[in-house]
């Protein structure tokens, strides 16, 4: 979802991935086989939606 919105994967350290687009940074935990917590999903959706408005 972030990649489709124009964010790019900047780095991956441990179990976290950092995506950046212009001045917005989104850090997403990445654990194979686990579902993201709803709060994290909401944060990602907000980042994508606010980016579309700008």
PDB file of N, CA and C in Angstrom:
ATOM      1  N   UNK A   1       0.828  -1.176   0.000  1.00  0.00           N
ATOM      2  CA  UNK A   1       0.000   0.000   0.000  1.00  0.00           C
ATOM      3  C   UNK A   1       0.885   1.257   0.000  1.00  0.00           C
ATOM      4  N   UNK A   2       1.898   1.264   0.833  1.00  0.00           N
ATOM      5  CA  UNK A   2       2.786   2.420   0.891  1.00  0.00           C
ATOM      6  C   UNK A   2       3.555   2.605  -0.417  1.00  0.00           C
ATOM      7  N   UNK A   3       4.015   1.508  -0.985  1.00  0.00           N
ATOM      8  CA  UNK A   3       4.753   1.600  -2.239  1.00  0.00           C
ATOM      9  C   UNK A   3       3.874   2.130  -3.370  1.00  0.00           C
ATOM     10  N   UNK A   4       2.636   1.700  -3.405  1.00  0.00           N
ATOM     11  CA  UNK A   4       1.705   2.188  -4.425  1.00  0.00           C
ATOM     12  C   UNK A   4       1.409   3.671  -4.247  1.00  0.00           C
ATOM     13  N   UNK A   5       1.494   4.166  -3.017  1.00  0.00           N
ATOM     14  CA  UNK A   5       1.234   5.576  -2.726  1.00  0.00           C
ATOM     15  C   UNK A   5       2.462   6.445  -2.997  1.00  0.00           C
ATOM     16  N   UNK A   6       3.560   5.837  -3.435  1.00  0.00           N
ATOM     17  CA  UNK A   6       4.743   6.606  -3.773  1.00  0.00           C
ATOM     18  C   UNK A   6       5.822   6.626  -2.711  1.00  0.00           C
ATOM     19  N   UNK A   7       5.598   5.941  -1.605  1.00  0.00           N
ATOM     20  CA  UNK A   7       6.631   5.842  -0.574  1.00  0.00           C
ATOM     21  C   UNK A   7       7.695   4.873  -1.073  1.00  0.00           C
ATOM     22  N   UNK A   8       8.906   5.039  -0.571  1.00  0.00           N
ATOM     23  CA  UNK A   8       9.959   4.090  -0.941  1.00  0.00           C
ATOM     24  C   UNK A   8      10.580   3.512   0.322  1.00  0.00           C
ATOM     25  N   UNK A   9      10.978   2.267   0.212  1.00  0.00           N
ATOM     26  CA  UNK A   9      11.619   1.590   1.339  1.00  0.00           C
ATOM     27  C   UNK A   9      13.033   2.126   1.455  1.00  0.00           C
ATOM     28  N   UNK A  10      13.327   2.780   2.578  1.00  0.00           N
ATOM     29  CA  UNK A  10      14.634   3.393   2.780  1.00  0.00           C
ATOM     30  C   UNK A  10      15.589   2.421   3.447  1.00  0.00           C
ATOM     31  N   UNK A  11      15.095   1.766   4.493  1.00  0.00           N
ATOM     32  CA  UNK A  11      15.952   0.811   5.187  1.00  0.00           C
ATOM     33  C   UNK A  11      15.111  -0.181   5.954  1.00  0.00           C
ATOM     34  N   UNK A  12      15.770  -1.270   6.294  1.00  0.00           N
ATOM     35  CA  UNK A  12      15.145  -2.307   7.093  1.00  0.00           C
ATOM     36  C   UNK A  12      16.152  -2.685   8.167  1.00  0.00           C
ATOM     37  N   UNK A  13      15.759  -2.499   9.419  1.00  0.00           N
ATOM     38  CA  UNK A  13      16.662  -2.813  10.522  1.00  0.00           C
ATOM     39  C   UNK A  13      15.915  -3.696  11.504  1.00  0.00           C
ATOM     40  N   UNK A  14      16.442  -4.854  11.739  1.00  0.00           N
ATOM     41  CA  UNK A  14      15.772  -5.784  12.642  1.00  0.00           C
ATOM     42  C   UNK A  14      14.420  -6.168  12.083  1.00  0.00           C
ATOM     43  N   UNK A  15      13.381  -5.910  12.844  1.00  0.00           N
ATOM     44  CA  UNK A  15      12.042  -6.291  12.400  1.00  0.00           C
ATOM     45  C   UNK A  15      11.217  -5.060  12.025  1.00  0.00           C
ATOM     46  N   UNK A  16      11.869  -3.958  11.651  1.00  0.00           N
ATOM     47  CA  UNK A  16      11.151  -2.746  11.267  1.00  0.00           C
ATOM     48  C   UNK A  16      11.604  -2.283   9.892  1.00  0.00           C
ATOM     49  N   UNK A  17      10.654  -1.767   9.127  1.00  0.00           N
ATOM     50  CA  UNK A  17      10.950  -1.210   7.819  1.00  0.00           C
ATOM     51  C   UNK A  17      10.557   0.259   7.817  1.00  0.00           C
ATOM     52  N   UNK A  18      11.412   1.080   7.239  1.00  0.00           N
ATOM     53  CA  UNK A  18      11.183   2.517   7.219  1.00  0.00           C
ATOM     54  C   UNK A  18      10.892   2.944   5.781  1.00  0.00           C
ATOM     55  N   UNK A  19       9.745   3.596   5.596  1.00  0.00           N
ATOM     56  CA  UNK A  19       9.326   4.097   4.300  1.00  0.00           C
ATOM     57  C   UNK A  19       9.295   5.618   4.362  1.00  0.00           C
ATOM     58  N   UNK A  20       9.736   6.270   3.269  1.00  0.00           N
ATOM     59  CA  UNK A  20       9.759   7.732   3.238  1.00  0.00           C
ATOM     60  C   UNK A  20       9.212   8.228   1.907  1.00  0.00           C
ATOM     61  N   UNK A  21       8.482   9.335   2.007  1.00  0.00           N
ATOM     62  CA  UNK A  21       8.055  10.077   0.818  1.00  0.00           C
ATOM     63  C   UNK A  21       8.088  11.537   1.208  1.00  0.00           C
ATOM     64  N   UNK A  22       8.959  12.289   0.514  1.00  0.00           N
ATOM     65  CA  UNK A  22       9.181  13.702   0.808  1.00  0.00           C
ATOM     66  C   UNK A  22       9.534  13.870   2.290  1.00  0.00           C
ATOM     67  N   UNK A  23       8.694  14.535   3.070  1.00  0.00           N
ATOM     68  CA  UNK A  23       9.018  14.758   4.492  1.00  0.00           C
ATOM     69  C   UNK A  23       8.242  13.834   5.418  1.00  0.00           C
ATOM     70  N   UNK A  24       7.596  12.820   4.882  1.00  0.00           N
ATOM     71  CA  UNK A  24       6.809  11.889   5.707  1.00  0.00           C
ATOM     72  C   UNK A  24       7.545  10.568   5.852  1.00  0.00           C
ATOM     73  N   UNK A  25       7.608  10.094   7.094  1.00  0.00           N
ATOM     74  CA  UNK A  25       8.280   8.831   7.389  1.00  0.00           C
ATOM     75  C   UNK A  25       7.299   7.917   8.102  1.00  0.00           C
ATOM     76  N   UNK A  26       7.249   6.672   7.662  1.00  0.00           N
ATOM     77  CA  UNK A  26       6.386   5.677   8.282  1.00  0.00           C
ATOM     78  C   UNK A  26       7.251   4.476   8.648  1.00  0.00           C
ATOM     79  N   UNK A  27       7.199   4.083   9.910  1.00  0.00           N
ATOM     80  CA  UNK A  27       7.936   2.914  10.382  1.00  0.00           C
ATOM     81  C   UNK A  27       6.927   1.799  10.624  1.00  0.00           C
ATOM     82  N   UNK A  28       7.161   0.667   9.975  1.00  0.00           N
ATOM     83  CA  UNK A  28       6.219  -0.450  10.063  1.00  0.00           C
ATOM     84  C   UNK A  28       6.950  -1.680  10.602  1.00  0.00           C
ATOM     85  N   UNK A  29       6.423  -2.282  11.667  1.00  0.00           N
ATOM     86  CA  UNK A  29       7.022  -3.534  12.142  1.00  0.00           C
ATOM     87  C   UNK A  29       6.758  -4.636  11.121  1.00  0.00           C
ATOM     88  N   UNK A  30       7.733  -5.483  10.909  1.00  0.00           N
ATOM     89  CA  UNK A  30       7.597  -6.544   9.925  1.00  0.00           C
ATOM     90  C   UNK A  30       7.982  -7.867  10.555  1.00  0.00           C
ATOM     91  N   UNK A  31       6.979  -8.692  10.788  1.00  0.00           N
ATOM     92  CA  UNK A  31       7.191 -10.019  11.358  1.00  0.00           C
ATOM     93  C   UNK A  31       6.495 -11.019  10.444  1.00  0.00           C
ATOM     94  N   UNK A  32       7.257 -11.888   9.830  1.00  0.00           N
ATOM     95  CA  UNK A  32       6.702 -12.868   8.911  1.00  0.00           C
ATOM     96  C   UNK A  32       5.664 -13.732   9.611  1.00  0.00           C
ATOM     97  N   UNK A  33       4.503 -13.839   8.991  1.00  0.00           N
ATOM     98  CA  UNK A  33       3.460 -14.702   9.509  1.00  0.00           C
ATOM     99  C   UNK A  33       2.600 -14.086  10.604  1.00  0.00           C
ATOM    100  N   UNK A  34       2.823 -12.812  10.931  1.00  0.00           N
ATOM    101  CA  UNK A  34       2.026 -12.166  11.975  1.00  0.00           C
ATOM    102  C   UNK A  34       1.205 -11.040  11.373  1.00  0.00           C
ATOM    103  N   UNK A  35       0.075 -10.781  11.971  1.00  0.00           N
ATOM    104  CA  UNK A  35      -0.832  -9.741  11.510  1.00  0.00           C
ATOM    105  C   UNK A  35      -0.483  -8.433  12.220  1.00  0.00           C
ATOM    106  N   UNK A  36      -0.537  -7.323  11.470  1.00  0.00           N
ATOM    107  CA  UNK A  36      -0.269  -6.022  12.072  1.00  0.00           C
ATOM    108  C   UNK A  36      -1.347  -5.643  13.070  1.00  0.00           C
ATOM    109  N   UNK A  37      -0.949  -4.970  14.112  1.00  0.00           N
ATOM    110  CA  UNK A  37      -1.892  -4.461  15.105  1.00  0.00           C
ATOM    111  C   UNK A  37      -2.772  -3.411  14.437  1.00  0.00           C
ATOM    112  N   UNK A  38      -4.050  -3.344  14.783  1.00  0.00           N
ATOM    113  CA  UNK A  38      -4.950  -2.365  14.160  1.00  0.00           C
ATOM    114  C   UNK A  38      -4.471  -0.918  14.265  1.00  0.00           C
ATOM    115  N   UNK A  39      -3.770  -0.554  15.328  1.00  0.00           N
ATOM    116  CA  UNK A  39      -3.251   0.811  15.451  1.00  0.00           C
ATOM    117  C   UNK A  39      -2.209   1.103  14.373  1.00  0.00           C
ATOM    118  N   UNK A  40      -1.372   0.128  14.080  1.00  0.00           N
ATOM    119  CA  UNK A  40      -0.354   0.304  13.049  1.00  0.00           C
ATOM    120  C   UNK A  40      -1.028   0.443  11.686  1.00  0.00           C
ATOM    121  N   UNK A  41      -2.009  -0.381  11.434  1.00  0.00           N
ATOM    122  CA  UNK A  41      -2.741  -0.306  10.175  1.00  0.00           C
ATOM    123  C   UNK A  41      -3.393   1.059  10.009  1.00  0.00           C
ATOM    124  N   UNK A  42      -3.974   1.589  11.067  1.00  0.00           N
ATOM    125  CA  UNK A  42      -4.603   2.912  11.031  1.00  0.00           C
ATOM    126  C   UNK A  42      -3.569   3.990  10.735  1.00  0.00           C
ATOM    127  N   UNK A  43      -2.393   3.905  11.327  1.00  0.00           N
ATOM    128  CA  UNK A  43      -1.343   4.874  11.077  1.00  0.00           C
ATOM    129  C   UNK A  43      -0.894   4.857   9.615  1.00  0.00           C
ATOM    130  N   UNK A  44      -0.770   3.677   9.056  1.00  0.00           N
ATOM    131  CA  UNK A  44      -0.377   3.559   7.650  1.00  0.00           C
ATOM    132  C   UNK A  44      -1.453   4.161   6.753  1.00  0.00           C
ATOM    133  N   UNK A  45      -2.706   3.853   7.026  1.00  0.00           N
ATOM    134  CA  UNK A  45      -3.797   4.410   6.229  1.00  0.00           C
ATOM    135  C   UNK A  45      -3.836   5.932   6.317  1.00  0.00           C
ATOM    136  N   UNK A  46      -3.623   6.481   7.492  1.00  0.00           N
ATOM    137  CA  UNK A  46      -3.601   7.941   7.653  1.00  0.00           C
ATOM    138  C   UNK A  46      -2.465   8.561   6.851  1.00  0.00           C
ATOM    139  N   UNK A  47      -1.305   7.931   6.864  1.00  0.00           N
ATOM    140  CA  UNK A  47      -0.156   8.452   6.121  1.00  0.00           C
ATOM    141  C   UNK A  47      -0.447   8.464   4.624  1.00  0.00           C
ATOM    142  N   UNK A  48      -1.066   7.418   4.133  1.00  0.00           N
ATOM    143  CA  UNK A  48      -1.382   7.337   2.708  1.00  0.00           C
ATOM    144  C   UNK A  48      -2.460   8.342   2.341  1.00  0.00           C
ATOM    145  N   UNK A  49      -3.488   8.456   3.164  1.00  0.00           N
ATOM    146  CA  UNK A  49      -4.589   9.370   2.865  1.00  0.00           C
ATOM    147  C   UNK A  49      -4.169  10.831   2.953  1.00  0.00           C
ATOM    148  N   UNK A  50      -3.386  11.208   3.947  1.00  0.00           N
ATOM    149  CA  UNK A  50      -2.947  12.608   4.046  1.00  0.00           C
ATOM    150  C   UNK A  50      -2.007  12.947   2.907  1.00  0.00           C
ATOM    151  N   UNK A  51      -1.284  11.961   2.419  1.00  0.00           N
ATOM    152  CA  UNK A  51      -0.395  12.184   1.287  1.00  0.00           C
ATOM    153  C   UNK A  51      -1.199  12.454   0.017  1.00  0.00           C
ATOM    154  N   UNK A  52      -2.307  11.786  -0.146  1.00  0.00           N
ATOM    155  CA  UNK A  52      -3.154  11.991  -1.329  1.00  0.00           C
ATOM    156  C   UNK A  52      -3.764  13.386  -1.339  1.00  0.00           C
ATOM    157  N   UNK A  53      -4.058  13.943  -0.173  1.00  0.00           N
ATOM    158  CA  UNK A  53      -4.667  15.268  -0.083  1.00  0.00           C
ATOM    159  C   UNK A  53      -3.693  16.385  -0.421  1.00  0.00           C
ATOM    160  N   UNK A  54      -2.395  16.148  -0.149  1.00  0.00           N
ATOM    161  CA  UNK A  54      -1.390  17.202  -0.377  1.00  0.00           C
ATOM    162  C   UNK A  54      -1.131  17.450  -1.840  1.00  0.00           C
TER     163      UNK A  54
END
